[in-house]
Amino acid sequence: MEIGQRIKIERQTAEWTQEQLADRIFVSKRTISNWETGKTVPDIESVLRLAKIFKLSLDDLLVEDSAIVKEIKRKEELTNLSIIYYVGPVLTGLILMGMMYFSSALGKEGSLYLITAALLTNFITMCMFKLNIDRLRNKEQKFQREMRQMKIVGTAMVVFVCIVLIVLHFM
């Protein structure tokens, strides 16, 4: 039995409307409707509230429905991807700070290598992040927005690096 069906059965057993249940667990009536029709699944906080209100164990709500367990695991993996998201910019910052500190010792050619390394660290982490998101992709609009922002920032960084390389070449 899917969790949406279980919610509907428990709600009807308690003789509550969707609106009454929604008020008790602090969500909208539409959210309850989406759960019951299987369009979406409840998040972990809502599952906990549902279990408490219906006086059910989490096992009763989750074990029978592998879809929600998979959704929770998928969201956990998406959260863990945020580490990859920050690795590129942090490495780039460190490389560029090192370049600024050691600029006189590196010379023009060394600076070009460090700028190229900074560009590559961003590109590699961006590709890793994109591949992992595609693997976990579902209907996560937040990550779609972040990917668009990441593309804009990545493109801006490439343009900036190209301008710096051109300026350094002619100095």
Protein backbone atom coordinates (compact mmCIF):
# COMPACT_ATOMS: atom_id res chain seq x y z
CA MET A 1 0.00 0.00 0.00
CA GLU A 2 1.32 3.44 -0.94
CA ILE A 3 1.61 6.09 1.76
CA GLY A 4 -0.98 8.28 0.01
CA GLN A 5 -3.55 5.50 0.22
CA ARG A 6 -2.63 4.91 3.86
CA ILE A 7 -3.09 8.59 4.69
CA LYS A 8 -6.48 8.65 3.00
CA ILE A 9 -7.65 5.51 4.84
CA GLU A 10 -6.46 6.81 8.22
CA ARG A 11 -8.02 10.23 7.58
CA GLN A 12 -11.35 8.69 6.62
CA THR A 13 -11.23 6.34 9.61
CA ALA A 14 -10.79 9.38 11.87
CA GLU A 15 -13.67 11.03 9.94
CA TRP A 16 -11.61 14.10 9.11
CA THR A 17 -11.73 16.18 5.97
CA GLN A 18 -8.53 16.92 4.08
CA GLU A 19 -8.71 20.44 5.46
CA GLN A 20 -8.98 19.24 9.06
CA LEU A 21 -5.97 16.96 8.66
CA ALA A 22 -4.05 19.74 6.93
CA ASP A 23 -4.70 22.08 9.86
CA ARG A 24 -3.45 19.47 12.33
CA ILE A 25 -0.13 18.89 10.60
CA PHE A 26 0.39 22.47 9.38
CA VAL A 27 0.17 21.93 5.61
CA SER A 28 -2.33 23.00 2.99
CA LYS A 29 -5.42 21.07 1.91
CA ARG A 30 -3.87 20.81 -1.55
CA THR A 31 -0.79 19.13 -0.06
CA ILE A 32 -2.99 16.47 1.55
CA SER A 33 -4.77 15.98 -1.77
CA ASN A 34 -1.45 15.61 -3.60
CA TRP A 35 -0.29 13.00 -1.09
CA GLU A 36 -3.50 11.02 -1.30
CA THR A 37 -3.48 11.01 -5.11
CA GLY A 38 0.20 10.07 -5.21
CA LYS A 39 1.35 13.24 -6.98
CA THR A 40 3.81 13.97 -4.16
CA VAL A 41 4.98 12.30 -0.98
CA PRO A 42 5.23 13.87 2.47
CA ASP A 43 8.57 15.11 3.75
CA ILE A 44 10.06 13.57 6.88
CA GLU A 45 8.59 16.20 9.23
CA SER A 46 5.12 15.59 7.87
CA VAL A 47 5.58 11.82 8.13
CA LEU A 48 6.48 12.24 11.80
CA ARG A 49 3.42 14.41 12.40
CA LEU A 50 1.17 11.95 10.55
CA ALA A 51 2.49 9.03 12.58
CA LYS A 52 1.83 10.92 15.81
CA ILE A 53 -1.66 12.09 14.84
CA PHE A 54 -2.75 8.68 13.54
CA LYS A 55 -1.00 6.92 16.47
CA LEU A 56 1.00 4.74 14.08
CA SER A 57 4.64 3.71 14.17
CA LEU A 58 6.91 5.04 11.45
CA ASP A 59 7.32 1.45 10.27
CA ASP A 60 3.61 1.23 9.61
CA LEU A 61 3.76 4.35 7.47
CA LEU A 62 7.12 3.83 5.74
CA VAL A 63 8.06 0.15 5.47
CA GLU A 64 5.09 -0.74 3.35
CA ASP A 65 5.81 2.17 1.02
CA SER A 66 9.23 2.01 -0.51
CA ALA A 67 8.56 5.10 -2.66
CA ILE A 68 8.74 7.46 0.29
CA VAL A 69 11.84 5.75 1.68
CA LYS A 70 13.50 6.14 -1.73
CA GLU A 71 12.44 9.80 -1.85
CA ILE A 72 13.93 10.50 1.58
CA LYS A 73 17.19 8.79 0.59
CA ARG A 74 17.28 10.73 -2.68
CA LYS A 75 16.82 14.03 -0.85
CA GLU A 76 19.58 13.06 1.57
CA GLU A 77 21.93 12.38 -1.34
CA LEU A 78 21.01 15.73 -2.89
CA THR A 79 21.86 17.45 0.38
CA ASN A 80 25.22 15.69 0.48
CA LEU A 81 26.00 17.06 -2.98
CA SER A 82 26.25 20.56 -1.54
CA ILE A 83 29.83 19.69 -0.53
CA ILE A 84 30.78 19.26 -4.20
CA TYR A 85 29.09 22.56 -4.97
CA TYR A 86 31.52 24.45 -2.69
CA VAL A 87 34.77 22.58 -3.44
CA GLY A 88 35.47 24.36 -6.75
CA PRO A 89 35.09 27.94 -5.53
CA VAL A 90 37.07 27.22 -2.34
CA LEU A 91 39.96 25.67 -4.29
CA THR A 92 39.86 28.51 -6.79
CA GLY A 93 39.99 31.06 -4.00
CA LEU A 94 42.97 29.32 -2.42
CA ILE A 95 44.80 29.13 -5.74
CA LEU A 96 44.16 32.78 -6.53
CA MET A 97 45.19 33.88 -3.03
CA GLY A 98 48.40 31.90 -3.41
CA MET A 99 48.95 33.52 -6.77
CA MET A 100 48.52 37.00 -5.26
CA TYR A 101 50.88 36.19 -2.38
CA PHE A 102 53.58 34.60 -4.53
CA SER A 103 53.07 36.73 -7.67
CA SER A 104 56.58 38.09 -7.77
CA ALA A 105 58.15 34.63 -7.38
CA LEU A 106 55.85 33.00 -9.95
CA GLY A 107 56.32 35.42 -12.76
CA LYS A 108 54.01 35.82 -15.70
CA GLU A 109 54.08 32.19 -16.80
CA GLY A 110 53.47 30.82 -13.30
CA SER A 111 50.49 33.12 -12.88
CA LEU A 112 49.00 31.82 -16.10
CA TYR A 113 49.34 28.24 -14.85
CA LEU A 114 47.64 29.06 -11.56
CA ILE A 115 44.78 30.86 -13.31
CA THR A 116 44.34 27.84 -15.56
CA ALA A 117 44.37 25.55 -12.50
CA ALA A 118 41.72 27.73 -10.84
CA LEU A 119 39.55 27.54 -13.95
CA LEU A 120 39.94 23.76 -14.11
CA THR A 121 39.01 23.24 -10.45
CA ASN A 122 35.75 25.08 -11.04
CA PHE A 123 35.04 23.28 -14.28
CA ILE A 124 35.72 19.81 -12.84
CA THR A 125 33.59 20.33 -9.73
CA MET A 126 30.82 21.86 -11.84
CA CYS A 127 30.83 18.79 -14.10
CA MET A 128 30.82 16.40 -11.12
CA PHE A 129 27.96 18.29 -9.54
CA LYS A 130 25.97 18.30 -12.78
CA LEU A 131 26.49 14.58 -13.33
CA ASN A 132 25.35 13.74 -9.80
CA ILE A 133 22.32 15.98 -10.09
CA ASP A 134 21.36 14.34 -13.37
CA ARG A 135 21.67 10.97 -11.67
CA LEU A 136 19.38 12.00 -8.84
CA ARG A 137 17.17 14.28 -10.91
CA ASN A 138 13.53 14.29 -10.20
CA LYS A 139 11.43 17.39 -9.91
CA GLU A 140 13.73 19.45 -7.72
CA GLN A 141 13.17 23.02 -8.86
CA LYS A 142 15.61 24.38 -6.30
CA PHE A 143 18.46 22.45 -7.88
CA GLN A 144 17.38 23.51 -11.36
CA ARG A 145 17.62 27.15 -10.22
CA GLU A 146 21.01 26.50 -8.65
CA MET A 147 22.25 24.87 -11.84
CA ARG A 148 21.17 27.90 -13.86
CA GLN A 149 22.96 30.17 -11.39
CA MET A 150 26.00 27.91 -11.49
CA LYS A 151 26.10 28.12 -15.30
CA ILE A 152 25.92 31.92 -15.15
CA VAL A 153 28.65 32.15 -12.51
CA GLY A 154 30.78 29.59 -14.37
CA THR A 155 30.43 31.46 -17.63
CA ALA A 156 31.27 34.75 -15.91
CA MET A 157 34.35 33.15 -14.35
CA VAL A 158 35.52 31.81 -17.72
CA VAL A 159 35.11 35.26 -19.28
CA PHE A 160 36.93 36.86 -16.35
CA VAL A 161 39.81 34.37 -16.58
CA CYS A 162 40.10 34.92 -20.32
CA ILE A 163 40.28 38.68 -19.81
CA VAL A 164 42.92 38.28 -17.10
CA LEU A 165 44.94 35.91 -19.30
CA ILE A 166 44.82 38.39 -22.17
CA VAL A 167 45.87 41.25 -19.92
CA LEU A 168 48.70 39.21 -18.40
CA HIS A 169 49.87 38.12 -21.85
CA PHE A 170 50.26 41.69 -23.08
CA MET A 171 51.87 43.06 -19.91
